[in-house]
Every structure is written in C-alpha cells, then in structure tokens.
Amino acid sequence: MSAQGVLVIAPHPDDETLGAGGTMARCAKAGHKVTVLTVAAHMPPLYSEEVHQQTIAEAKQAHAILGVAESRFLDIPAVYVSDQPVPELNGAIMNAVKDVNPAAVLSCYPDRHVDHRAIFDAVMVATRPVGAGAGIKLVAAFETLSETHWNAPHIEPNFTPNWVVDITDTIDTKLEALACYGSQIPPFPAARSVEALRALSVFRGTQAGFANGEGFHVIRMTGGVEDLIG
C-alpha cells in the first residue's frame, strides 16, 4: 500500500494546533487523512489526573474542528519523555509511522522544552528513508510559540523556516481550535495566546507573500517536480 495522508507528531496537547493547525485544516479540507499522535500528557506526577483528562478532551475537541481523522495518545508523563528508554520511545513512534503509513510527517523543532528535544530525536529515527520510512515524501519541523523562540541565540539552533504554508483560508479554524485548550492557553500578551498566534501567522505569511502562514523547517522532501508545482 502506498503512503498517504499526514501524520502530525505532537509533544503535548495543543502543540499540534500551535505549530501546524492551519496546515492540518488545509490538508483535511483537501481530502487528506490527518492523524495526530500526542506523545506526552499533562498527567501525574507533575499534573493531576483531572488535568490529564481535561487536556485529552480539549485535544479531541480541537482535532474535530481541524478535521483530524484519528487522535492517538501515548500518555507519557510530561517532562519525563527523556526518562523513557530510547528503544521504547523510538519504537512507539516508529510503530505509529508503520501503522499510519503517512506521505508526510510534521513534528516539533528541537527547542527549549526537554520533551521536544527527545521527541525530535525519536522522530528522526522513525522517519529515516528505510523500511516504514521509505514512502515518506516530506518530513518537516514546526515551531511552537513559548518554546521554539526561547532558544539561546547562536548557542542553540534557531528556528528559521524554509517552507511557509499559506493558511489564509484556515487561520480562523486554527484559532478556533486553539481556543479549545482553555487549560493551556493564557490571555494576551502571553506567548501562547490566540492574539500572539494570529500575529505570528501574519508575520510568517508576509514573509512569503500572503496574508497568513505557518512556518516549517523541511528536513527531507522527495518526489517529482509535479509534487511541488502541481
């Protein structure tokens, strides 16, 4: 079976919407199957089980708005992802790649959050162009407000997009989905506020010549020229 659809690998509930919500909605509207794998959870020991269940419910509500076909959760406690044995973490993400068989994988940039860095490393292993990863045509990293922009300049990698997706037609859908995360999204001027995310979309869009955009760092892109210009 040929690879198809989009797999978004999110560190925590809300990261998928912050980083790729507009692109996910655009893909879903175009008829592509979108699957979200959320690796970490706001659960004990750092959070209560009540918060855990609330964020899962918020994620499912946001995913429904974005047109996500399937929501998967690994339920690894937040900030404890790097404590997982590397073969187990890599294996869990690789199993999702094998099962979903995506044509595109979008995941987090290795930024200030310790979970994001561990998950980025695991995604790089799971999406290698061998075995289950051989059919993946695109692997790209998204930015996450309040984490990606807090890397130490010139000491850590800085997010500089080399691909911007036009989300002018889906920015309102993205912001509606983000608003579902009442437990995670603080009011403006917080970095993760709805207003800040709209401002970022305007900035990224104008960098590429349109009204609203979502920035990605392309890690690997393969396929014919018709895939790029069609």
C-alpha atoms as a PDB file:
ATOM      1  CA  MET A   1       0.000   0.000   0.000  1.00  0.00           C
ATOM      2  CA  SER A   2       1.399   3.389  -0.990  1.00  0.00           C
ATOM      3  CA  ALA A   3       1.957   6.039   1.665  1.00  0.00           C
ATOM      4  CA  GLN A   4      -0.863   8.511   2.138  1.00  0.00           C
ATOM      5  CA  GLY A   5      -2.092  11.217   4.455  1.00  0.00           C
ATOM      6  CA  VAL A   6      -0.360  13.306   7.094  1.00  0.00           C
ATOM      7  CA  LEU A   7       0.951  12.224  10.489  1.00  0.00           C
ATOM      8  CA  VAL A   8       1.455  15.051  12.980  1.00  0.00           C
ATOM      9  CA  ILE A   9       3.597  14.047  15.966  1.00  0.00           C
ATOM     10  CA  ALA A  10       2.944  16.466  18.820  1.00  0.00           C
ATOM     11  CA  PRO A  11       4.878  16.599  22.099  1.00  0.00           C
ATOM     12  CA  HIS A  12       1.864  17.730  24.183  1.00  0.00           C
ATOM     13  CA  PRO A  13      -1.816  18.542  23.688  1.00  0.00           C
ATOM     14  CA  ASP A  14      -2.006  21.959  21.951  1.00  0.00           C
ATOM     15  CA  ASP A  15       1.425  21.787  20.264  1.00  0.00           C
ATOM     16  CA  GLU A  16      -0.095  20.304  17.104  1.00  0.00           C
ATOM     17  CA  THR A  17      -2.509  23.227  16.817  1.00  0.00           C
ATOM     18  CA  LEU A  18       0.080  25.870  17.677  1.00  0.00           C
ATOM     19  CA  GLY A  19       2.560  24.556  15.146  1.00  0.00           C
ATOM     20  CA  ALA A  20       0.544  23.028  12.329  1.00  0.00           C
ATOM     21  CA  GLY A  21      -3.160  23.672  12.929  1.00  0.00           C
ATOM     22  CA  GLY A  22      -3.699  25.681   9.760  1.00  0.00           C
ATOM     23  CA  THR A  23      -1.857  23.161   7.602  1.00  0.00           C
ATOM     24  CA  MET A  24      -3.771  20.278   9.187  1.00  0.00           C
ATOM     25  CA  ALA A  25      -7.090  22.000   8.461  1.00  0.00           C
ATOM     26  CA  ARG A  26      -5.998  22.737   4.886  1.00  0.00           C
ATOM     27  CA  CYS A  27      -4.976  19.109   4.323  1.00  0.00           C
ATOM     28  CA  ALA A  28      -8.241  17.831   5.798  1.00  0.00           C
ATOM     29  CA  LYS A  29     -10.288  20.190   3.605  1.00  0.00           C
ATOM     30  CA  ALA A  30      -8.402  18.863   0.576  1.00  0.00           C
ATOM     31  CA  GLY A  31      -9.454  15.313   1.450  1.00  0.00           C
ATOM     32  CA  HIS A  32      -6.235  14.045   3.014  1.00  0.00           C
ATOM     33  CA  LYS A  33      -6.389  11.895   6.136  1.00  0.00           C
ATOM     34  CA  VAL A  34      -4.766  13.664   9.093  1.00  0.00           C
ATOM     35  CA  THR A  35      -3.624  11.662  12.116  1.00  0.00           C
ATOM     36  CA  VAL A  36      -2.267  13.230  15.306  1.00  0.00           C
ATOM     37  CA  LEU A  37      -0.002  11.301  17.673  1.00  0.00           C
ATOM     38  CA  THR A  38       0.404  13.134  21.002  1.00  0.00           C
ATOM     39  CA  VAL A  39       3.402  11.719  22.822  1.00  0.00           C
ATOM     40  CA  ALA A  40       3.377  13.328  26.288  1.00  0.00           C
ATOM     41  CA  ALA A  41       0.450  14.064  28.575  1.00  0.00           C
ATOM     42  CA  HIS A  42      -0.314  16.520  31.360  1.00  0.00           C
ATOM     43  CA  MET A  43      -0.641  13.751  33.921  1.00  0.00           C
ATOM     44  CA  PRO A  44       0.861  12.626  37.246  1.00  0.00           C
ATOM     45  CA  PRO A  45       3.355  13.149  38.731  1.00  0.00           C
ATOM     46  CA  LEU A  46       3.524  16.750  37.516  1.00  0.00           C
ATOM     47  CA  TYR A  47      -0.212  17.198  36.874  1.00  0.00           C
ATOM     48  CA  SER A  48      -3.348  15.688  38.362  1.00  0.00           C
ATOM     49  CA  GLU A  49      -5.389  13.004  36.626  1.00  0.00           C
ATOM     50  CA  GLU A  50      -8.196  15.559  36.355  1.00  0.00           C
ATOM     51  CA  VAL A  51      -5.948  17.846  34.305  1.00  0.00           C
ATOM     52  CA  HIS A  52      -4.907  14.866  32.201  1.00  0.00           C
ATOM     53  CA  GLN A  53      -8.467  14.020  31.283  1.00  0.00           C
ATOM     54  CA  GLN A  54      -9.310  17.667  30.659  1.00  0.00           C
ATOM     55  CA  THR A  55      -6.454  18.133  28.194  1.00  0.00           C
ATOM     56  CA  ILE A  56      -7.347  14.920  26.358  1.00  0.00           C
ATOM     57  CA  ALA A  57     -10.920  16.186  25.989  1.00  0.00           C
ATOM     58  CA  GLU A  58      -9.648  19.585  24.826  1.00  0.00           C
ATOM     59  CA  ALA A  59      -7.399  17.925  22.260  1.00  0.00           C
ATOM     60  CA  LYS A  60     -10.217  15.826  20.836  1.00  0.00           C
ATOM     61  CA  GLN A  61     -12.434  18.899  20.563  1.00  0.00           C
ATOM     62  CA  ALA A  62      -9.678  20.866  18.802  1.00  0.00           C
ATOM     63  CA  HIS A  63      -8.937  17.958  16.461  1.00  0.00           C
ATOM     64  CA  ALA A  64     -12.592  17.711  15.468  1.00  0.00           C
ATOM     65  CA  ILE A  65     -12.546  21.386  14.456  1.00  0.00           C
ATOM     66  CA  LEU A  66      -9.362  20.892  12.425  1.00  0.00           C
ATOM     67  CA  GLY A  67     -10.748  17.842  10.628  1.00  0.00           C
ATOM     68  CA  VAL A  68      -8.386  15.308  12.184  1.00  0.00           C
ATOM     69  CA  ALA A  69      -9.420  11.766  11.270  1.00  0.00           C
ATOM     70  CA  GLU A  70      -7.667   9.990  14.153  1.00  0.00           C
ATOM     71  CA  SER A  71      -6.244  11.093  17.506  1.00  0.00           C
ATOM     72  CA  ARG A  72      -3.689   8.872  19.236  1.00  0.00           C
ATOM     73  CA  PHE A  73      -2.129   9.384  22.676  1.00  0.00           C
ATOM     74  CA  LEU A  74       0.983   7.676  24.092  1.00  0.00           C
ATOM     75  CA  ASP A  75       0.383   9.126  27.586  1.00  0.00           C
ATOM     76  CA  ILE A  76       3.994   9.535  28.669  1.00  0.00           C
ATOM     77  CA  PRO A  77       4.106  11.977  31.618  1.00  0.00           C
ATOM     78  CA  ALA A  78       5.122  15.499  30.580  1.00  0.00           C
ATOM     79  CA  VAL A  79       8.810  16.381  31.122  1.00  0.00           C
ATOM     80  CA  TYR A  80       9.558  12.681  31.653  1.00  0.00           C
ATOM     81  CA  VAL A  81       9.848  11.766  27.967  1.00  0.00           C
ATOM     82  CA  SER A  82      13.649  11.735  28.093  1.00  0.00           C
ATOM     83  CA  ASP A  83      13.451   9.283  31.008  1.00  0.00           C
ATOM     84  CA  GLN A  84      11.945   6.642  28.721  1.00  0.00           C
ATOM     85  CA  PRO A  85      14.369   4.021  27.423  1.00  0.00           C
ATOM     86  CA  VAL A  86      15.428   5.192  23.976  1.00  0.00           C
ATOM     87  CA  PRO A  87      14.458   1.930  22.218  1.00  0.00           C
ATOM     88  CA  GLU A  88      10.957   2.106  23.741  1.00  0.00           C
ATOM     89  CA  LEU A  89      10.358   5.749  22.773  1.00  0.00           C
ATOM     90  CA  ASN A  90      11.747   5.257  19.277  1.00  0.00           C
ATOM     91  CA  GLY A  91       9.758   2.043  18.912  1.00  0.00           C
ATOM     92  CA  ALA A  92       6.457   3.625  19.954  1.00  0.00           C
ATOM     93  CA  ILE A  93       6.822   6.400  17.386  1.00  0.00           C
ATOM     94  CA  MET A  94       8.073   4.007  14.733  1.00  0.00           C
ATOM     95  CA  ASN A  95       5.043   1.777  15.308  1.00  0.00           C
ATOM     96  CA  ALA A  96       2.786   4.761  14.633  1.00  0.00           C
ATOM     97  CA  VAL A  97       4.672   5.521  11.424  1.00  0.00           C
ATOM     98  CA  LYS A  98       4.302   1.903  10.311  1.00  0.00           C
ATOM     99  CA  ASP A  99       0.611   1.807  11.171  1.00  0.00           C
ATOM    100  CA  VAL A 100      -0.364   5.159   9.650  1.00  0.00           C
ATOM    101  CA  ASN A 101       1.977   4.857   6.626  1.00  0.00           C
ATOM    102  CA  PRO A 102       1.991   8.623   6.015  1.00  0.00           C
ATOM    103  CA  ALA A 103       3.176  10.502   2.965  1.00  0.00           C
ATOM    104  CA  ALA A 104       4.098  13.458   5.216  1.00  0.00           C
ATOM    105  CA  VAL A 105       5.244  13.731   8.830  1.00  0.00           C
ATOM    106  CA  LEU A 106       5.147  17.035  10.715  1.00  0.00           C
ATOM    107  CA  SER A 107       6.662  17.248  14.173  1.00  0.00           C
ATOM    108  CA  CYS A 108       8.331  19.562  16.658  1.00  0.00           C
ATOM    109  CA  TYR A 109      11.534  21.554  16.335  1.00  0.00           C
ATOM    110  CA  PRO A 110      14.262  20.698  18.914  1.00  0.00           C
ATOM    111  CA  ASP A 111      13.744  23.729  21.125  1.00  0.00           C
ATOM    112  CA  ARG A 112      13.876  24.773  24.788  1.00  0.00           C
ATOM    113  CA  HIS A 113      11.469  22.101  26.027  1.00  0.00           C
ATOM    114  CA  VAL A 114      13.222  18.884  27.068  1.00  0.00           C
ATOM    115  CA  ASP A 115      10.325  16.778  25.749  1.00  0.00           C
ATOM    116  CA  HIS A 116      10.526  18.435  22.345  1.00  0.00           C
ATOM    117  CA  ARG A 117      14.206  17.577  22.000  1.00  0.00           C
ATOM    118  CA  ALA A 118      13.724  13.931  22.937  1.00  0.00           C
ATOM    119  CA  ILE A 119      10.748  13.574  20.599  1.00  0.00           C
ATOM    120  CA  PHE A 120      12.581  15.264  17.735  1.00  0.00           C
ATOM    121  CA  ASP A 121      15.404  12.724  18.068  1.00  0.00           C
ATOM    122  CA  ALA A 122      12.927   9.833  18.095  1.00  0.00           C
ATOM    123  CA  VAL A 123      11.083  11.175  15.049  1.00  0.00           C
ATOM    124  CA  MET A 124      14.360  11.438  13.153  1.00  0.00           C
ATOM    125  CA  VAL A 125      14.942   7.732  13.792  1.00  0.00           C
ATOM    126  CA  ALA A 126      11.378   6.683  12.943  1.00  0.00           C
ATOM    127  CA  THR A 127      11.274   8.631   9.664  1.00  0.00           C
ATOM    128  CA  ARG A 128      14.590   7.530   8.187  1.00  0.00           C
ATOM    129  CA  PRO A 129      14.150   6.671   4.483  1.00  0.00           C
ATOM    130  CA  VAL A 130      14.356   2.930   5.093  1.00  0.00           C
ATOM    131  CA  GLY A 131      11.686   0.383   5.932  1.00  0.00           C
ATOM    132  CA  ALA A 132       8.463   2.087   7.018  1.00  0.00           C
ATOM    133  CA  GLY A 133      10.009   5.499   6.381  1.00  0.00           C
ATOM    134  CA  ALA A 134      10.877   4.829   2.751  1.00  0.00           C
ATOM    135  CA  GLY A 135       7.497   6.041   1.499  1.00  0.00           C
ATOM    136  CA  ILE A 136       7.539   9.345   3.385  1.00  0.00           C
ATOM    137  CA  LYS A 137       7.819  12.213   0.910  1.00  0.00           C
ATOM    138  CA  LEU A 138       8.044  15.039   3.425  1.00  0.00           C
ATOM    139  CA  VAL A 139       9.444  15.389   6.937  1.00  0.00           C
ATOM    140  CA  ALA A 140       9.254  18.875   8.434  1.00  0.00           C
ATOM    141  CA  ALA A 141       9.501  20.527  11.852  1.00  0.00           C
ATOM    142  CA  PHE A 142       7.074  23.168  13.114  1.00  0.00           C
ATOM    143  CA  GLU A 143       7.600  25.992  15.580  1.00  0.00           C
ATOM    144  CA  THR A 144       5.884  26.134  18.968  1.00  0.00           C
ATOM    145  CA  LEU A 145       5.237  29.549  20.487  1.00  0.00           C
ATOM    146  CA  SER A 146       6.705  29.944  24.001  1.00  0.00           C
ATOM    147  CA  GLU A 147       9.308  27.228  23.424  1.00  0.00           C
ATOM    148  CA  THR A 148      10.887  27.499  19.964  1.00  0.00           C
ATOM    149  CA  HIS A 149      11.507  31.221  20.356  1.00  0.00           C
ATOM    150  CA  TRP A 150      13.232  30.874  23.714  1.00  0.00           C
ATOM    151  CA  ASN A 151      16.287  29.006  22.460  1.00  0.00           C
ATOM    152  CA  ALA A 152      19.533  30.801  23.306  1.00  0.00           C
ATOM    153  CA  PRO A 153      20.557  32.703  20.134  1.00  0.00           C
ATOM    154  CA  HIS A 154      23.635  31.280  18.379  1.00  0.00           C
ATOM    155  CA  ILE A 155      24.180  28.745  21.180  1.00  0.00           C
ATOM    156  CA  GLU A 156      21.179  26.580  20.342  1.00  0.00           C
ATOM    157  CA  PRO A 157      19.582  26.147  16.904  1.00  0.00           C
ATOM    158  CA  ASN A 158      17.242  28.979  15.938  1.00  0.00           C
ATOM    159  CA  PHE A 159      14.042  28.270  14.034  1.00  0.00           C
ATOM    160  CA  THR A 160      14.299  29.718  10.528  1.00  0.00           C
ATOM    161  CA  PRO A 161      11.556  28.415   8.244  1.00  0.00           C
ATOM    162  CA  ASN A 162      12.456  27.303   4.747  1.00  0.00           C
ATOM    163  CA  TRP A 163       8.844  26.427   3.887  1.00  0.00           C
ATOM    164  CA  VAL A 164       5.765  28.526   4.614  1.00  0.00           C
ATOM    165  CA  VAL A 165       2.274  27.124   4.049  1.00  0.00           C
ATOM    166  CA  ASP A 166      -0.476  29.556   3.077  1.00  0.00           C
ATOM    167  CA  ILE A 167      -3.152  29.201   5.788  1.00  0.00           C
ATOM    168  CA  THR A 168      -5.095  32.331   4.935  1.00  0.00           C
ATOM    169  CA  ASP A 169      -8.233  30.251   4.398  1.00  0.00           C
ATOM    170  CA  THR A 170      -7.771  28.203   7.583  1.00  0.00           C
ATOM    171  CA  ILE A 171      -6.334  30.660  10.130  1.00  0.00           C
ATOM    172  CA  ASP A 172      -9.739  31.198  11.742  1.00  0.00           C
ATOM    173  CA  THR A 173     -10.193  27.428  12.026  1.00  0.00           C
ATOM    174  CA  LYS A 174      -6.771  27.158  13.650  1.00  0.00           C
ATOM    175  CA  LEU A 175      -7.566  29.862  16.196  1.00  0.00           C
ATOM    176  CA  GLU A 176     -10.963  28.322  16.947  1.00  0.00           C
ATOM    177  CA  ALA A 177      -9.225  25.007  17.634  1.00  0.00           C
ATOM    178  CA  LEU A 178      -6.617  26.674  19.834  1.00  0.00           C
ATOM    179  CA  ALA A 179      -9.346  28.280  21.920  1.00  0.00           C
ATOM    180  CA  CYS A 180     -10.492  24.761  22.891  1.00  0.00           C
ATOM    181  CA  TYR A 181      -7.409  24.460  25.095  1.00  0.00           C
ATOM    182  CA  GLY A 182      -8.815  26.518  27.942  1.00  0.00           C
ATOM    183  CA  SER A 183      -6.424  24.909  30.440  1.00  0.00           C
ATOM    184  CA  GLN A 184      -3.332  25.668  28.356  1.00  0.00           C
ATOM    185  CA  ILE A 185      -3.854  28.936  26.502  1.00  0.00           C
ATOM    186  CA  PRO A 186      -3.440  32.080  28.642  1.00  0.00           C
ATOM    187  CA  PRO A 187      -4.703  35.569  27.723  1.00  0.00           C
ATOM    188  CA  PHE A 188      -2.665  38.094  25.744  1.00  0.00           C
ATOM    189  CA  PRO A 189       0.168  39.132  25.987  1.00  0.00           C
ATOM    190  CA  ALA A 190       1.230  35.565  26.824  1.00  0.00           C
ATOM    191  CA  ALA A 191       3.261  33.889  24.076  1.00  0.00           C
ATOM    192  CA  ARG A 192       0.663  31.145  23.581  1.00  0.00           C
ATOM    193  CA  SER A 193      -2.339  33.450  23.425  1.00  0.00           C
ATOM    194  CA  VAL A 194      -4.705  33.459  20.461  1.00  0.00           C
ATOM    195  CA  GLU A 195      -3.606  37.012  19.625  1.00  0.00           C
ATOM    196  CA  ALA A 196       0.075  36.058  19.586  1.00  0.00           C
ATOM    197  CA  LEU A 197      -0.607  33.107  17.318  1.00  0.00           C
ATOM    198  CA  ARG A 198      -2.526  35.295  14.873  1.00  0.00           C
ATOM    199  CA  ALA A 199       0.356  37.804  14.893  1.00  0.00           C
ATOM    200  CA  LEU A 200       2.828  35.015  14.115  1.00  0.00           C
ATOM    201  CA  SER A 201       0.662  33.801  11.233  1.00  0.00           C
ATOM    202  CA  VAL A 202       0.603  37.307   9.754  1.00  0.00           C
ATOM    203  CA  PHE A 203       4.383  37.626  10.087  1.00  0.00           C
ATOM    204  CA  ARG A 204       5.074  34.223   8.523  1.00  0.00           C
ATOM    205  CA  GLY A 205       2.550  34.895   5.798  1.00  0.00           C
ATOM    206  CA  THR A 206       4.025  38.228   4.805  1.00  0.00           C
ATOM    207  CA  GLN A 207       7.480  36.635   4.683  1.00  0.00           C
ATOM    208  CA  ALA A 208       6.163  34.509   1.824  1.00  0.00           C
ATOM    209  CA  GLY A 209       3.812  36.977   0.163  1.00  0.00           C
ATOM    210  CA  PHE A 210       0.389  36.110   1.560  1.00  0.00           C
ATOM    211  CA  ALA A 211      -1.806  37.114   4.482  1.00  0.00           C
ATOM    212  CA  ASN A 212      -1.350  34.222   6.932  1.00  0.00           C
ATOM    213  CA  GLY A 213       1.271  31.497   7.013  1.00  0.00           C
ATOM    214  CA  GLU A 214       2.667  28.605   9.003  1.00  0.00           C
ATOM    215  CA  GLY A 215       6.424  28.167   9.029  1.00  0.00           C
ATOM    216  CA  PHE A 216       8.235  24.830   8.849  1.00  0.00           C
ATOM    217  CA  HIS A 217      11.811  23.659   8.593  1.00  0.00           C
ATOM    218  CA  VAL A 218      11.960  20.983   5.888  1.00  0.00           C
ATOM    219  CA  ILE A 219      14.159  18.092   6.964  1.00  0.00           C
ATOM    220  CA  ARG A 220      13.591  15.872   3.940  1.00  0.00           C
ATOM    221  CA  MET A 221      11.499  16.320   0.811  1.00  0.00           C
ATOM    222  CA  THR A 222      11.420  13.834  -2.049  1.00  0.00           C
ATOM    223  CA  GLY A 223       9.264  13.178  -5.091  1.00  0.00           C
ATOM    224  CA  GLY A 224       8.849  14.529  -8.583  1.00  0.00           C
ATOM    225  CA  VAL A 225       8.713  18.157  -9.560  1.00  0.00           C
ATOM    226  CA  GLU A 226       4.971  17.736 -10.167  1.00  0.00           C
ATOM    227  CA  ASP A 227       4.555  17.262  -6.414  1.00  0.00           C
ATOM    228  CA  LEU A 228       5.956  20.742  -5.885  1.00  0.00           C
ATOM    229  CA  ILE A 229       4.279  22.713  -8.667  1.00  0.00           C
ATOM    230  CA  GLY A 230       1.007  20.816  -9.172  1.00  0.00           C
END
